[in-house]
Every structure is written in structure tokens, then in C-alpha cells.
Amino acid sequence: MAYGETMKKLSPCDSALVLALLGEYAPEPGALLDAGCGRGDRLADCARAWPETRLCGIDCDGENAAAAREACPAAEIVTGDVCALPWPERCFDAALCECTLSLLEDPAACLAELWRVLRPGGVLLLSDLCTEDAAPQRLRLADSGAVRFLASRKWTEQAAEAAGFRFMRYRDCREEYLTMAAQMLFDGECACLAPAAFAALRRHRAGYGLWIMQKGERA
């Protein structure tokens, strides 16, 4: 299985949950960005839910971006870096950033860019692997692959707040994550994870979190 094909399976949050939560805080957004859009499945669901919304997506993998254009022809999809977004300031009402920070060497740069392109009061739905460790820490699990870093929930929240976001809501998606992980083991699809990374996820009792953040003012 190609890396791009595997990546679309790595979010345990289904679209019904994501769209319900996003719609609660940013109902029918005029413009929405998916930062790290993968193969476009989430954007396609957004297009069906909000046909009048301007949709944009960015992914660093050209194969993923090409697949996203096919999955969601109505969206503007670019191949690029989520830490250097090619859109002007204050042009989106909402943004998604799912399973992306755990791939990045510099997640603070991504969060800063998301803050930049959101309008005042804009909403960010952020989801990723996390632990419930009390200390704010971020561990390197592997040098490459589908998962490279594992952060504590506290670290993620502090990083987002440092970028200028206000915490609004958190949902623990550990149950959904464990169900997904078990299915991947059953299907033999864990080859996308380096063995050391997979062992570390188990050792640190990795879970999955979903945050709703709102753009605030930077200190």
C-alpha cells in the first residue's frame, strides 16, 4: 500500500463528528482551509455539507494533492508546506489541522501560519495523537514515516495558546483511536509506522485528542 493511501486511514475521527463540532462553532463557514488535507476525503465531506463554502487544501505530498483534487474538484488544492501557507492574512473563517502536527519538526510555525490566515474569531479544529502525561513534552518517535512525534495534551494546548489561539473545547477520542489501531493491526496496515514508533506509542499509552480553538490576540 502506498504511503499516501495509508495516510487517509490515520484519523480516528469520522467526518460526522468533525463536521458536527466544527459546525457548532463555525456554522456554514464562508471559507475553510484543510492544512494537511491528505487525499481530500475530509474536504469532499465538507463540500457536501457546505456547498457554498470556499474550500482550500494543502498537502506536502504531490500524490496526495492530486488525489485530493479528484476527490473534491470544487476545492483549491495546492502542494506545499503547512508552515508557509500560500494564502493572505485573514482569509479563512475556519481551518482543519488533523494528524499533521505529529509529522512536523516545527509545529509552532504551522500554528502561527494558521493563526495568520484565519480571520479574527476564526475557528481551528485541531486533532492529533497525544498522551495524558502531566508534563508538557514532545517526543521524537521516528525520523520518517506516518508518525514522527508524540506530544502530551498539555504541550499541544500550550503550543496553540502561544500561537494566539484560545481554548474552547476538548474531546478525548482515545476510544476511537484504539478501535482504529486494532483494525489496522487486523488488516496488516501498520507497516506505515516504524517499529520503534509503534512501540513508543504503546509504551506511552498514546491516545487521540480533538481541540476546538478560536483565533485570539497575541500577547
N, C-alpha and C. Protein backbone atom coordinates (compact mmCIF):
# COMPACT_ATOMS: atom_id res chain seq x y z
N MET A 1 0.85 -1.19 0.00
CA MET A 1 0.00 0.00 0.00
C MET A 1 0.88 1.24 0.00
N ALA A 2 0.56 2.19 -0.85
CA ALA A 2 1.35 3.42 -0.94
C ALA A 2 1.17 4.24 0.33
N TYR A 3 2.21 5.03 0.64
CA TYR A 3 2.17 5.86 1.84
C TYR A 3 0.97 6.79 1.82
N GLY A 4 0.71 7.40 0.68
CA GLY A 4 -0.43 8.31 0.58
C GLY A 4 -1.75 7.62 0.84
N GLU A 5 -1.91 6.39 0.35
CA GLU A 5 -3.12 5.63 0.59
C GLU A 5 -3.29 5.35 2.08
N THR A 6 -2.19 5.02 2.75
CA THR A 6 -2.27 4.69 4.16
C THR A 6 -2.64 5.90 5.00
N MET A 7 -2.11 7.07 4.65
CA MET A 7 -2.30 8.25 5.46
C MET A 7 -3.77 8.59 5.69
N LYS A 8 -4.63 8.31 4.73
CA LYS A 8 -6.01 8.70 4.89
C LYS A 8 -6.71 7.88 5.97
N LYS A 9 -6.07 6.79 6.42
CA LYS A 9 -6.67 5.95 7.44
C LYS A 9 -6.25 6.35 8.86
N LEU A 10 -5.38 7.35 8.99
CA LEU A 10 -4.78 7.60 10.28
C LEU A 10 -5.52 8.58 11.16
N SER A 11 -6.70 9.03 10.80
CA SER A 11 -7.52 9.83 11.69
C SER A 11 -8.68 8.99 12.20
N PRO A 12 -8.78 8.81 13.52
CA PRO A 12 -9.89 8.03 14.06
C PRO A 12 -11.20 8.79 14.12
N CYS A 13 -11.17 10.09 13.87
CA CYS A 13 -12.37 10.92 13.97
C CYS A 13 -13.13 10.89 12.64
N ASP A 14 -14.34 10.38 12.65
CA ASP A 14 -15.07 10.34 11.39
C ASP A 14 -15.64 11.71 11.07
N SER A 15 -16.05 11.87 9.82
CA SER A 15 -16.50 13.19 9.36
C SER A 15 -17.75 13.66 10.06
N ALA A 16 -18.61 12.74 10.47
CA ALA A 16 -19.83 13.16 11.17
C ALA A 16 -19.47 13.91 12.45
N LEU A 17 -18.49 13.40 13.18
CA LEU A 17 -18.06 14.06 14.41
C LEU A 17 -17.38 15.39 14.10
N VAL A 18 -16.44 15.39 13.16
CA VAL A 18 -15.69 16.60 12.84
C VAL A 18 -16.62 17.70 12.34
N LEU A 19 -17.52 17.37 11.44
CA LEU A 19 -18.41 18.39 10.89
C LEU A 19 -19.40 18.89 11.92
N ALA A 20 -19.85 18.00 12.81
CA ALA A 20 -20.79 18.43 13.85
C ALA A 20 -20.12 19.42 14.80
N LEU A 21 -18.89 19.11 15.22
CA LEU A 21 -18.19 20.01 16.14
C LEU A 21 -17.81 21.32 15.46
N LEU A 22 -17.30 21.21 14.25
CA LEU A 22 -16.92 22.43 13.54
C LEU A 22 -18.14 23.30 13.26
N GLY A 23 -19.24 22.66 12.86
CA GLY A 23 -20.45 23.40 12.56
C GLY A 23 -21.05 24.08 13.78
N GLU A 24 -20.78 23.52 14.96
CA GLU A 24 -21.29 24.13 16.18
C GLU A 24 -20.61 25.45 16.47
N TYR A 25 -19.32 25.53 16.14
CA TYR A 25 -18.55 26.74 16.46
C TYR A 25 -18.32 27.65 15.25
N ALA A 26 -18.44 27.09 14.06
CA ALA A 26 -18.28 27.89 12.84
C ALA A 26 -19.33 27.45 11.83
N PRO A 27 -20.58 27.74 12.08
CA PRO A 27 -21.65 27.27 11.21
C PRO A 27 -21.54 27.82 9.79
N GLU A 28 -21.57 26.94 8.81
CA GLU A 28 -21.52 27.30 7.40
C GLU A 28 -20.43 28.33 7.12
N PRO A 29 -19.19 27.98 7.36
CA PRO A 29 -18.10 28.96 7.14
C PRO A 29 -18.04 29.41 5.69
N GLY A 30 -17.70 30.68 5.49
CA GLY A 30 -17.59 31.19 4.13
C GLY A 30 -16.37 30.64 3.42
N ALA A 31 -15.29 30.40 4.17
CA ALA A 31 -14.06 29.86 3.59
C ALA A 31 -13.39 28.97 4.63
N LEU A 32 -12.95 27.79 4.20
CA LEU A 32 -12.36 26.80 5.10
C LEU A 32 -11.09 26.23 4.49
N LEU A 33 -10.06 26.08 5.32
CA LEU A 33 -8.78 25.51 4.91
C LEU A 33 -8.56 24.18 5.62
N ASP A 34 -8.10 23.18 4.86
CA ASP A 34 -7.66 21.92 5.45
C ASP A 34 -6.14 21.87 5.29
N ALA A 35 -5.42 22.08 6.41
CA ALA A 35 -3.96 22.10 6.40
C ALA A 35 -3.44 20.69 6.66
N GLY A 36 -2.89 20.08 5.62
CA GLY A 36 -2.53 18.67 5.67
C GLY A 36 -3.72 17.85 5.24
N CYS A 37 -4.23 18.15 4.06
CA CYS A 37 -5.53 17.61 3.62
C CYS A 37 -5.47 16.16 3.17
N GLY A 38 -4.25 15.59 3.06
CA GLY A 38 -4.18 14.20 2.62
C GLY A 38 -4.80 14.02 1.24
N ARG A 39 -5.61 13.00 1.11
CA ARG A 39 -6.19 12.67 -0.19
C ARG A 39 -7.57 13.27 -0.41
N GLY A 40 -7.94 14.22 0.47
CA GLY A 40 -9.12 15.03 0.22
C GLY A 40 -10.44 14.49 0.71
N ASP A 41 -10.41 13.41 1.47
CA ASP A 41 -11.68 12.82 1.91
C ASP A 41 -12.48 13.77 2.79
N ARG A 42 -11.79 14.44 3.71
CA ARG A 42 -12.50 15.35 4.61
C ARG A 42 -13.03 16.56 3.83
N LEU A 43 -12.26 17.07 2.90
CA LEU A 43 -12.73 18.20 2.09
C LEU A 43 -13.96 17.81 1.28
N ALA A 44 -13.98 16.60 0.75
CA ALA A 44 -15.14 16.15 -0.01
C ALA A 44 -16.38 16.12 0.87
N ASP A 45 -16.23 15.69 2.12
CA ASP A 45 -17.36 15.68 3.03
C ASP A 45 -17.79 17.11 3.38
N CYS A 46 -16.82 18.01 3.52
CA CYS A 46 -17.15 19.42 3.77
C CYS A 46 -17.92 20.02 2.60
N ALA A 47 -17.53 19.65 1.39
CA ALA A 47 -18.21 20.16 0.20
C ALA A 47 -19.66 19.72 0.16
N ARG A 48 -19.91 18.49 0.59
CA ARG A 48 -21.30 18.01 0.62
C ARG A 48 -22.10 18.68 1.73
N ALA A 49 -21.43 18.94 2.87
CA ALA A 49 -22.14 19.56 3.99
C ALA A 49 -22.39 21.05 3.76
N TRP A 50 -21.40 21.73 3.16
CA TRP A 50 -21.48 23.18 2.97
C TRP A 50 -21.15 23.53 1.52
N PRO A 51 -22.10 23.33 0.61
CA PRO A 51 -21.81 23.51 -0.82
C PRO A 51 -21.46 24.95 -1.20
N GLU A 52 -21.80 25.92 -0.37
CA GLU A 52 -21.49 27.32 -0.68
C GLU A 52 -20.15 27.77 -0.11
N THR A 53 -19.49 26.92 0.66
CA THR A 53 -18.24 27.29 1.30
C THR A 53 -17.07 27.20 0.32
N ARG A 54 -16.21 28.20 0.35
CA ARG A 54 -14.96 28.13 -0.42
C ARG A 54 -14.00 27.21 0.33
N LEU A 55 -13.54 26.17 -0.35
CA LEU A 55 -12.69 25.16 0.28
C LEU A 55 -11.29 25.20 -0.30
N CYS A 56 -10.30 25.13 0.56
CA CYS A 56 -8.90 25.06 0.14
C CYS A 56 -8.20 23.97 0.94
N GLY A 57 -7.20 23.36 0.32
CA GLY A 57 -6.42 22.34 1.00
C GLY A 57 -4.98 22.41 0.58
N ILE A 58 -4.10 21.95 1.46
CA ILE A 58 -2.67 21.91 1.17
C ILE A 58 -2.09 20.64 1.75
N ASP A 59 -1.21 20.02 0.97
CA ASP A 59 -0.50 18.83 1.44
C ASP A 59 0.90 18.83 0.84
N CYS A 60 1.87 18.34 1.60
CA CYS A 60 3.25 18.36 1.11
C CYS A 60 3.51 17.26 0.09
N ASP A 61 2.64 16.27 0.03
CA ASP A 61 2.82 15.13 -0.87
C ASP A 61 2.05 15.37 -2.16
N GLY A 62 2.76 15.39 -3.28
CA GLY A 62 2.11 15.67 -4.55
C GLY A 62 1.09 14.63 -4.95
N GLU A 63 1.35 13.37 -4.60
CA GLU A 63 0.39 12.31 -4.90
C GLU A 63 -0.91 12.52 -4.11
N ASN A 64 -0.77 12.89 -2.85
CA ASN A 64 -1.95 13.17 -2.05
C ASN A 64 -2.73 14.35 -2.62
N ALA A 65 -2.02 15.42 -2.99
CA ALA A 65 -2.69 16.61 -3.52
C ALA A 65 -3.44 16.28 -4.81
N ALA A 66 -2.84 15.47 -5.67
CA ALA A 66 -3.52 15.08 -6.91
C ALA A 66 -4.78 14.28 -6.62
N ALA A 67 -4.69 13.36 -5.64
CA ALA A 67 -5.86 12.58 -5.27
C ALA A 67 -6.94 13.46 -4.66
N ALA A 68 -6.52 14.48 -3.89
CA ALA A 68 -7.49 15.39 -3.27
C ALA A 68 -8.25 16.19 -4.33
N ARG A 69 -7.55 16.57 -5.41
CA ARG A 69 -8.23 17.31 -6.49
C ARG A 69 -9.31 16.45 -7.13
N GLU A 70 -9.06 15.15 -7.25
CA GLU A 70 -10.06 14.25 -7.81
C GLU A 70 -11.21 14.04 -6.82
N ALA A 71 -10.86 13.91 -5.54
CA ALA A 71 -11.89 13.65 -4.53
C ALA A 71 -12.80 14.85 -4.32
N CYS A 72 -12.24 16.06 -4.46
CA CYS A 72 -13.02 17.28 -4.21
C CYS A 72 -12.70 18.31 -5.28
N PRO A 73 -13.27 18.17 -6.47
CA PRO A 73 -12.96 19.09 -7.57
C PRO A 73 -13.30 20.55 -7.26
N ALA A 74 -14.22 20.79 -6.34
CA ALA A 74 -14.62 22.16 -6.03
C ALA A 74 -13.59 22.90 -5.20
N ALA A 75 -12.64 22.17 -4.61
CA ALA A 75 -11.67 22.80 -3.72
C ALA A 75 -10.42 23.24 -4.47
N GLU A 76 -9.78 24.27 -3.95
CA GLU A 76 -8.47 24.70 -4.42
C GLU A 76 -7.42 23.92 -3.64
N ILE A 77 -6.70 23.04 -4.31
CA ILE A 77 -5.72 22.18 -3.65
C ILE A 77 -4.32 22.54 -4.14
N VAL A 78 -3.40 22.74 -3.22
CA VAL A 78 -2.03 23.05 -3.60
C VAL A 78 -1.09 22.06 -2.92
N THR A 79 0.03 21.83 -3.58
CA THR A 79 1.12 21.07 -2.97
C THR A 79 2.05 22.07 -2.30
N GLY A 80 2.27 21.92 -1.02
CA GLY A 80 3.09 22.91 -0.34
C GLY A 80 3.31 22.60 1.12
N ASP A 81 3.81 23.57 1.83
CA ASP A 81 4.26 23.43 3.21
C ASP A 81 3.24 24.09 4.15
N VAL A 82 2.73 23.35 5.11
CA VAL A 82 1.76 23.92 6.05
C VAL A 82 2.41 24.95 6.96
N CYS A 83 3.74 25.03 6.97
CA CYS A 83 4.44 26.04 7.75
C CYS A 83 4.71 27.31 6.96
N ALA A 84 4.26 27.34 5.70
CA ALA A 84 4.41 28.52 4.84
C ALA A 84 3.21 28.56 3.90
N LEU A 85 2.06 28.86 4.43
CA LEU A 85 0.82 28.79 3.66
C LEU A 85 0.77 29.87 2.57
N PRO A 86 0.35 29.50 1.36
CA PRO A 86 0.36 30.45 0.24
C PRO A 86 -0.92 31.27 0.12
N TRP A 87 -1.52 31.64 1.24
CA TRP A 87 -2.73 32.46 1.24
C TRP A 87 -2.49 33.71 2.08
N PRO A 88 -3.21 34.78 1.77
CA PRO A 88 -3.01 36.04 2.51
C PRO A 88 -3.60 35.97 3.92
N GLU A 89 -3.31 36.99 4.69
CA GLU A 89 -3.82 37.07 6.05
C GLU A 89 -5.34 37.17 6.06
N ARG A 90 -5.92 36.59 7.09
CA ARG A 90 -7.34 36.78 7.41
C ARG A 90 -8.27 36.43 6.26
N CYS A 91 -8.06 35.28 5.65
CA CYS A 91 -8.91 34.93 4.51
C CYS A 91 -9.78 33.69 4.76
N PHE A 92 -9.67 33.05 5.93
CA PHE A 92 -10.47 31.86 6.22
C PHE A 92 -11.27 32.06 7.51
N ASP A 93 -12.47 31.51 7.51
CA ASP A 93 -13.31 31.54 8.71
C ASP A 93 -13.02 30.35 9.62
N ALA A 94 -12.53 29.26 9.03
CA ALA A 94 -12.28 28.04 9.80
C ALA A 94 -11.13 27.27 9.16
N ALA A 95 -10.48 26.46 9.97
CA ALA A 95 -9.38 25.63 9.46
C ALA A 95 -9.39 24.30 10.17
N LEU A 96 -8.98 23.27 9.43
CA LEU A 96 -8.75 21.94 9.98
C LEU A 96 -7.26 21.66 9.97
N CYS A 97 -6.79 21.00 11.01
CA CYS A 97 -5.39 20.55 11.06
C CYS A 97 -5.41 19.21 11.77
N GLU A 98 -5.57 18.14 10.99
CA GLU A 98 -5.76 16.81 11.56
C GLU A 98 -4.56 15.92 11.23
N CYS A 99 -4.04 15.26 12.25
CA CYS A 99 -2.93 14.31 12.06
C CYS A 99 -1.76 14.96 11.33
N THR A 100 -1.50 16.21 11.64
CA THR A 100 -0.46 16.95 10.92
C THR A 100 0.68 17.37 11.84
N LEU A 101 0.37 17.89 13.03
CA LEU A 101 1.43 18.36 13.91
C LEU A 101 2.41 17.25 14.29
N SER A 102 1.94 16.01 14.35
CA SER A 102 2.81 14.89 14.73
C SER A 102 3.80 14.53 13.63
N LEU A 103 3.69 15.18 12.47
CA LEU A 103 4.62 14.95 11.36
C LEU A 103 5.68 16.04 11.26
N LEU A 104 5.53 17.12 12.01
CA LEU A 104 6.31 18.33 11.75
C LEU A 104 7.46 18.53 12.72
N GLU A 105 8.58 18.98 12.16
CA GLU A 105 9.71 19.38 13.00
C GLU A 105 9.38 20.65 13.77
N ASP A 106 8.62 21.56 13.16
CA ASP A 106 8.33 22.86 13.75
C ASP A 106 6.83 23.12 13.76
N PRO A 107 6.10 22.47 14.66
CA PRO A 107 4.64 22.68 14.68
C PRO A 107 4.25 24.10 15.04
N ALA A 108 5.12 24.81 15.79
CA ALA A 108 4.81 26.20 16.13
C ALA A 108 4.66 27.05 14.88
N ALA A 109 5.47 26.77 13.86
CA ALA A 109 5.38 27.53 12.61
C ALA A 109 4.04 27.27 11.92
N CYS A 110 3.58 26.05 11.96
CA CYS A 110 2.28 25.72 11.36
C CYS A 110 1.15 26.43 12.10
N LEU A 111 1.19 26.39 13.44
CA LEU A 111 0.15 27.06 14.23
C LEU A 111 0.17 28.56 13.99
N ALA A 112 1.36 29.14 13.86
CA ALA A 112 1.46 30.58 13.58
C ALA A 112 0.86 30.92 12.23
N GLU A 113 1.07 30.07 11.24
CA GLU A 113 0.51 30.30 9.92
C GLU A 113 -1.02 30.16 9.93
N LEU A 114 -1.52 29.19 10.66
CA LEU A 114 -2.97 29.03 10.76
C LEU A 114 -3.60 30.25 11.43
N TRP A 115 -2.94 30.77 12.46
CA TRP A 115 -3.42 31.99 13.11
C TRP A 115 -3.43 33.15 12.11
N ARG A 116 -2.39 33.21 11.28
CA ARG A 116 -2.26 34.33 10.33
C ARG A 116 -3.39 34.32 9.31
N VAL A 117 -3.74 33.16 8.78
CA VAL A 117 -4.70 33.12 7.68
C VAL A 117 -6.15 33.09 8.16
N LEU A 118 -6.37 32.88 9.45
CA LEU A 118 -7.74 32.92 9.97
C LEU A 118 -8.16 34.36 10.24
N ARG A 119 -9.44 34.62 10.02
CA ARG A 119 -9.99 35.92 10.36
C ARG A 119 -10.14 36.05 11.88
N PRO A 120 -10.22 37.25 12.42
CA PRO A 120 -10.45 37.41 13.86
C PRO A 120 -11.68 36.62 14.31
N GLY A 121 -11.50 35.83 15.34
CA GLY A 121 -12.58 34.97 15.80
C GLY A 121 -12.71 33.67 15.03
N GLY A 122 -11.84 33.46 14.03
CA GLY A 122 -11.88 32.23 13.24
C GLY A 122 -11.62 31.00 14.10
N VAL A 123 -12.12 29.85 13.65
CA VAL A 123 -12.09 28.62 14.44
C VAL A 123 -11.12 27.62 13.83
N LEU A 124 -10.31 27.02 14.70
CA LEU A 124 -9.39 25.96 14.31
C LEU A 124 -9.84 24.66 14.96
N LEU A 125 -10.05 23.63 14.15
CA LEU A 125 -10.26 22.28 14.67
C LEU A 125 -8.95 21.53 14.50
N LEU A 126 -8.35 21.19 15.62
CA LEU A 126 -7.05 20.55 15.66
C LEU A 126 -7.22 19.16 16.25
N SER A 127 -6.67 18.14 15.61
CA SER A 127 -6.72 16.81 16.20
C SER A 127 -5.41 16.10 15.92
N ASP A 128 -5.00 15.27 16.88
CA ASP A 128 -3.74 14.53 16.69
C ASP A 128 -3.55 13.55 17.84
N LEU A 129 -2.54 12.71 17.66
CA LEU A 129 -2.11 11.82 18.73
C LEU A 129 -1.66 12.63 19.93
N CYS A 130 -1.91 12.13 21.13
CA CYS A 130 -1.44 12.80 22.32
C CYS A 130 -1.42 11.82 23.48
N THR A 131 -0.76 12.22 24.55
CA THR A 131 -0.79 11.46 25.79
C THR A 131 -1.37 12.35 26.88
N GLU A 132 -1.71 11.72 27.98
CA GLU A 132 -2.22 12.48 29.12
C GLU A 132 -1.12 12.74 30.15
N ASP A 133 0.15 12.65 29.72
CA ASP A 133 1.26 12.95 30.62
C ASP A 133 1.08 14.34 31.21
N ALA A 134 1.39 14.48 32.50
CA ALA A 134 1.21 15.77 33.16
C ALA A 134 2.20 16.82 32.66
N ALA A 135 3.40 16.37 32.30
CA ALA A 135 4.43 17.31 31.87
C ALA A 135 4.23 17.71 30.41
N PRO A 136 4.45 18.98 30.08
CA PRO A 136 4.39 19.39 28.67
C PRO A 136 5.63 18.91 27.94
N GLN A 137 5.50 17.88 27.14
CA GLN A 137 6.66 17.35 26.44
C GLN A 137 6.25 16.85 25.05
N ARG A 138 7.23 16.76 24.20
CA ARG A 138 7.03 16.27 22.84
C ARG A 138 8.21 15.36 22.51
N LEU A 139 7.92 14.12 22.20
CA LEU A 139 8.95 13.11 21.98
C LEU A 139 9.11 12.81 20.50
N ARG A 140 10.35 12.65 20.07
CA ARG A 140 10.60 12.18 18.71
C ARG A 140 10.49 10.65 18.71
N LEU A 141 9.63 10.15 17.86
CA LEU A 141 9.44 8.70 17.76
C LEU A 141 10.22 8.09 16.61
N ALA A 142 10.33 8.81 15.50
CA ALA A 142 10.99 8.28 14.31
C ALA A 142 11.44 9.45 13.45
N ASP A 143 12.40 9.19 12.57
CA ASP A 143 12.91 10.24 11.68
C ASP A 143 12.07 10.39 10.42
N SER A 144 11.25 9.42 10.13
CA SER A 144 10.39 9.49 8.95
C SER A 144 9.20 8.57 9.19
N GLY A 145 8.23 8.65 8.28
CA GLY A 145 7.08 7.75 8.37
C GLY A 145 5.81 8.49 8.69
N ALA A 146 4.76 7.72 8.98
CA ALA A 146 3.44 8.28 9.16
C ALA A 146 3.29 9.04 10.47
N VAL A 147 4.06 8.67 11.49
CA VAL A 147 4.04 9.38 12.77
C VAL A 147 5.49 9.61 13.20
N ARG A 148 5.83 10.86 13.50
CA ARG A 148 7.21 11.17 13.87
C ARG A 148 7.34 11.68 15.30
N PHE A 149 6.28 12.31 15.82
CA PHE A 149 6.35 12.90 17.15
C PHE A 149 5.09 12.54 17.94
N LEU A 150 5.25 12.50 19.25
CA LEU A 150 4.11 12.30 20.15
C LEU A 150 4.18 13.37 21.23
N ALA A 151 3.14 14.17 21.33
CA ALA A 151 3.09 15.27 22.30
C ALA A 151 2.08 14.95 23.39
N SER A 152 2.30 15.55 24.55
CA SER A 152 1.28 15.48 25.58
C SER A 152 0.15 16.44 25.24
N ARG A 153 -1.00 16.17 25.80
CA ARG A 153 -2.12 17.08 25.60
C ARG A 153 -1.76 18.48 26.09
N LYS A 154 -1.07 18.55 27.23
CA LYS A 154 -0.69 19.84 27.79
C LYS A 154 0.23 20.60 26.84
N TRP A 155 1.19 19.89 26.24
CA TRP A 155 2.11 20.53 25.30
C TRP A 155 1.35 21.12 24.12
N THR A 156 0.42 20.35 23.56
CA THR A 156 -0.34 20.80 22.40
C THR A 156 -1.14 22.05 22.74
N GLU A 157 -1.78 22.05 23.89
CA GLU A 157 -2.59 23.20 24.27
C GLU A 157 -1.73 24.43 24.52
N GLN A 158 -0.58 24.24 25.14
CA GLN A 158 0.31 25.38 25.38
C GLN A 158 0.87 25.93 24.07
N ALA A 159 1.19 25.04 23.12
CA ALA A 159 1.71 25.49 21.82
C ALA A 159 0.65 26.29 21.07
N ALA A 160 -0.60 25.83 21.09
CA ALA A 160 -1.67 26.55 20.41
C ALA A 160 -1.94 27.90 21.07
N GLU A 161 -1.92 27.93 22.39
CA GLU A 161 -2.15 29.19 23.09
C GLU A 161 -1.01 30.17 22.84
N ALA A 162 0.21 29.66 22.76
CA ALA A 162 1.36 30.52 22.47
C ALA A 162 1.25 31.14 21.08
N ALA A 163 0.60 30.42 20.16
CA ALA A 163 0.42 30.93 18.80
C ALA A 163 -0.69 31.98 18.72
N GLY A 164 -1.49 32.10 19.78
CA GLY A 164 -2.54 33.11 19.79
C GLY A 164 -3.96 32.56 19.77
N PHE A 165 -4.09 31.25 19.99
CA PHE A 165 -5.42 30.64 20.00
C PHE A 165 -5.98 30.54 21.41
N ARG A 166 -7.30 30.66 21.51
CA ARG A 166 -8.00 30.47 22.77
C ARG A 166 -8.66 29.11 22.80
N PHE A 167 -8.45 28.37 23.87
CA PHE A 167 -9.06 27.05 24.02
C PHE A 167 -10.57 27.19 24.18
N MET A 168 -11.32 26.34 23.45
CA MET A 168 -12.77 26.37 23.56
C MET A 168 -13.34 25.02 24.01
N ARG A 169 -12.79 23.94 23.45
CA ARG A 169 -13.37 22.63 23.77
C ARG A 169 -12.35 21.54 23.47
N TYR A 170 -12.39 20.49 24.28
CA TYR A 170 -11.55 19.31 24.04
C TYR A 170 -12.42 18.06 24.06
N ARG A 171 -12.13 17.15 23.15
CA ARG A 171 -12.81 15.86 23.14
C ARG A 171 -11.77 14.75 23.12
N ASP A 172 -11.87 13.86 24.07
CA ASP A 172 -10.98 12.70 24.14
C ASP A 172 -11.48 11.65 23.15
N CYS A 173 -10.64 11.36 22.15
CA CYS A 173 -11.02 10.38 21.11
C CYS A 173 -10.19 9.10 21.23
N ARG A 174 -9.76 8.79 22.44
CA ARG A 174 -8.94 7.60 22.66
C ARG A 174 -9.67 6.33 22.24
N GLU A 175 -10.94 6.25 22.55
CA GLU A 175 -11.70 5.04 22.21
C GLU A 175 -11.73 4.83 20.69
N GLU A 176 -11.96 5.90 19.96
CA GLU A 176 -11.96 5.80 18.50
C GLU A 176 -10.57 5.44 17.97
N TYR A 177 -9.53 6.00 18.61
CA TYR A 177 -8.15 5.72 18.21
C TYR A 177 -7.82 4.25 18.42
N LEU A 178 -8.19 3.69 19.57
CA LEU A 178 -7.89 2.29 19.84
C LEU A 178 -8.64 1.37 18.88
N THR A 179 -9.87 1.73 18.54
CA THR A 179 -10.63 0.95 17.57
C THR A 179 -9.94 0.96 16.21
N MET A 180 -9.46 2.15 15.79
CA MET A 180 -8.75 2.27 14.52
C MET A 180 -7.46 1.47 14.54
N ALA A 181 -6.70 1.57 15.64
CA ALA A 181 -5.43 0.86 15.73
C ALA A 181 -5.63 -0.65 15.66
N ALA A 182 -6.67 -1.14 16.33
CA ALA A 182 -6.95 -2.57 16.29
C ALA A 182 -7.32 -3.00 14.87
N GLN A 183 -8.08 -2.17 14.17
CA GLN A 183 -8.46 -2.52 12.79
C GLN A 183 -7.24 -2.53 11.88
N MET A 184 -6.31 -1.58 12.09
CA MET A 184 -5.10 -1.55 11.28
C MET A 184 -4.25 -2.79 11.51
N LEU A 185 -4.16 -3.23 12.77
CA LEU A 185 -3.42 -4.46 13.06
C LEU A 185 -4.07 -5.65 12.38
N PHE A 186 -5.39 -5.70 12.46
CA PHE A 186 -6.12 -6.82 11.85
C PHE A 186 -5.92 -6.83 10.34
N ASP A 187 -5.89 -5.63 9.73
CA ASP A 187 -5.75 -5.53 8.27
C ASP A 187 -4.30 -5.59 7.81
N GLY A 188 -3.35 -5.64 8.76
CA GLY A 188 -1.94 -5.70 8.41
C GLY A 188 -1.43 -4.40 7.82
N GLU A 189 -1.96 -3.25 8.28
CA GLU A 189 -1.61 -1.96 7.69
C GLU A 189 -0.71 -1.12 8.59
N CYS A 190 -0.08 -1.73 9.59
CA CYS A 190 0.79 -0.96 10.47
C CYS A 190 2.20 -0.81 9.91
N ALA A 191 2.41 -1.26 8.66
CA ALA A 191 3.72 -1.09 8.05
C ALA A 191 4.06 0.38 7.85
N CYS A 192 3.05 1.25 7.89
CA CYS A 192 3.30 2.68 7.73
C CYS A 192 3.99 3.28 8.95
N LEU A 193 4.01 2.54 10.06
CA LEU A 193 4.67 3.00 11.27
C LEU A 193 6.00 2.30 11.45
N ALA A 194 7.04 3.07 11.71
CA ALA A 194 8.32 2.46 12.04
C ALA A 194 8.15 1.63 13.31
N PRO A 195 8.79 0.44 13.39
CA PRO A 195 8.61 -0.41 14.58
C PRO A 195 8.88 0.32 15.89
N ALA A 196 9.93 1.16 15.92
CA ALA A 196 10.23 1.89 17.14
C ALA A 196 9.13 2.88 17.49
N ALA A 197 8.54 3.50 16.46
CA ALA A 197 7.45 4.45 16.70
C ALA A 197 6.23 3.73 17.24
N PHE A 198 5.92 2.58 16.66
CA PHE A 198 4.76 1.81 17.11
C PHE A 198 4.95 1.37 18.56
N ALA A 199 6.16 0.93 18.90
CA ALA A 199 6.44 0.51 20.28
C ALA A 199 6.31 1.69 21.24
N ALA A 200 6.79 2.86 20.81
CA ALA A 200 6.71 4.04 21.67
C ALA A 200 5.27 4.49 21.89
N LEU A 201 4.44 4.40 20.87
CA LEU A 201 3.02 4.75 21.03
C LEU A 201 2.37 3.86 22.08
N ARG A 202 2.70 2.59 22.07
CA ARG A 202 2.16 1.67 23.07
C ARG A 202 2.72 1.98 24.45
N ARG A 203 4.02 2.23 24.52
CA ARG A 203 4.68 2.46 25.81
C ARG A 203 4.14 3.71 26.49
N HIS A 204 3.87 4.74 25.71
CA HIS A 204 3.38 6.00 26.27
C HIS A 204 1.86 6.07 26.31
N ARG A 205 1.22 4.94 26.04
CA ARG A 205 -0.25 4.88 26.09
C ARG A 205 -0.87 6.02 25.29
N ALA A 206 -0.47 6.09 24.05
CA ALA A 206 -0.96 7.16 23.18
C ALA A 206 -2.46 7.10 23.02
N GLY A 207 -3.05 8.27 23.00
CA GLY A 207 -4.46 8.41 22.70
C GLY A 207 -4.62 9.40 21.55
N TYR A 208 -5.79 9.97 21.45
CA TYR A 208 -6.04 10.92 20.37
C TYR A 208 -6.96 12.00 20.90
N GLY A 209 -6.59 13.25 20.62
CA GLY A 209 -7.38 14.37 21.10
C GLY A 209 -7.89 15.23 19.97
N LEU A 210 -9.00 15.89 20.22
CA LEU A 210 -9.58 16.84 19.27
C LEU A 210 -9.87 18.13 20.02
N TRP A 211 -9.33 19.22 19.51
CA TRP A 211 -9.48 20.53 20.16
C TRP A 211 -10.23 21.49 19.22
N ILE A 212 -11.06 22.31 19.82
CA ILE A 212 -11.62 23.47 19.12
C ILE A 212 -10.95 24.71 19.71
N MET A 213 -10.31 25.48 18.85
CA MET A 213 -9.62 26.70 19.26
C MET A 213 -10.18 27.89 18.47
N GLN A 214 -10.08 29.05 19.04
CA GLN A 214 -10.51 30.26 18.35
C GLN A 214 -9.36 31.24 18.28
N LYS A 215 -9.23 31.90 17.15
CA LYS A 215 -8.18 32.89 16.99
C LYS A 215 -8.41 34.04 17.96
N GLY A 216 -7.39 34.31 18.79
CA GLY A 216 -7.44 35.44 19.69
C GLY A 216 -6.34 36.43 19.32
N GLU A 217 -6.03 37.29 20.25
CA GLU A 217 -4.96 38.26 20.05
C GLU A 217 -3.68 37.74 20.65
N ARG A 218 -2.58 37.94 19.95
CA ARG A 218 -1.30 37.54 20.50
C ARG A 218 -0.84 38.53 21.57
N ALA A 219 -0.15 37.97 22.56
CA ALA A 219 0.35 38.82 23.64
C ALA A 219 1.43 39.76 23.11
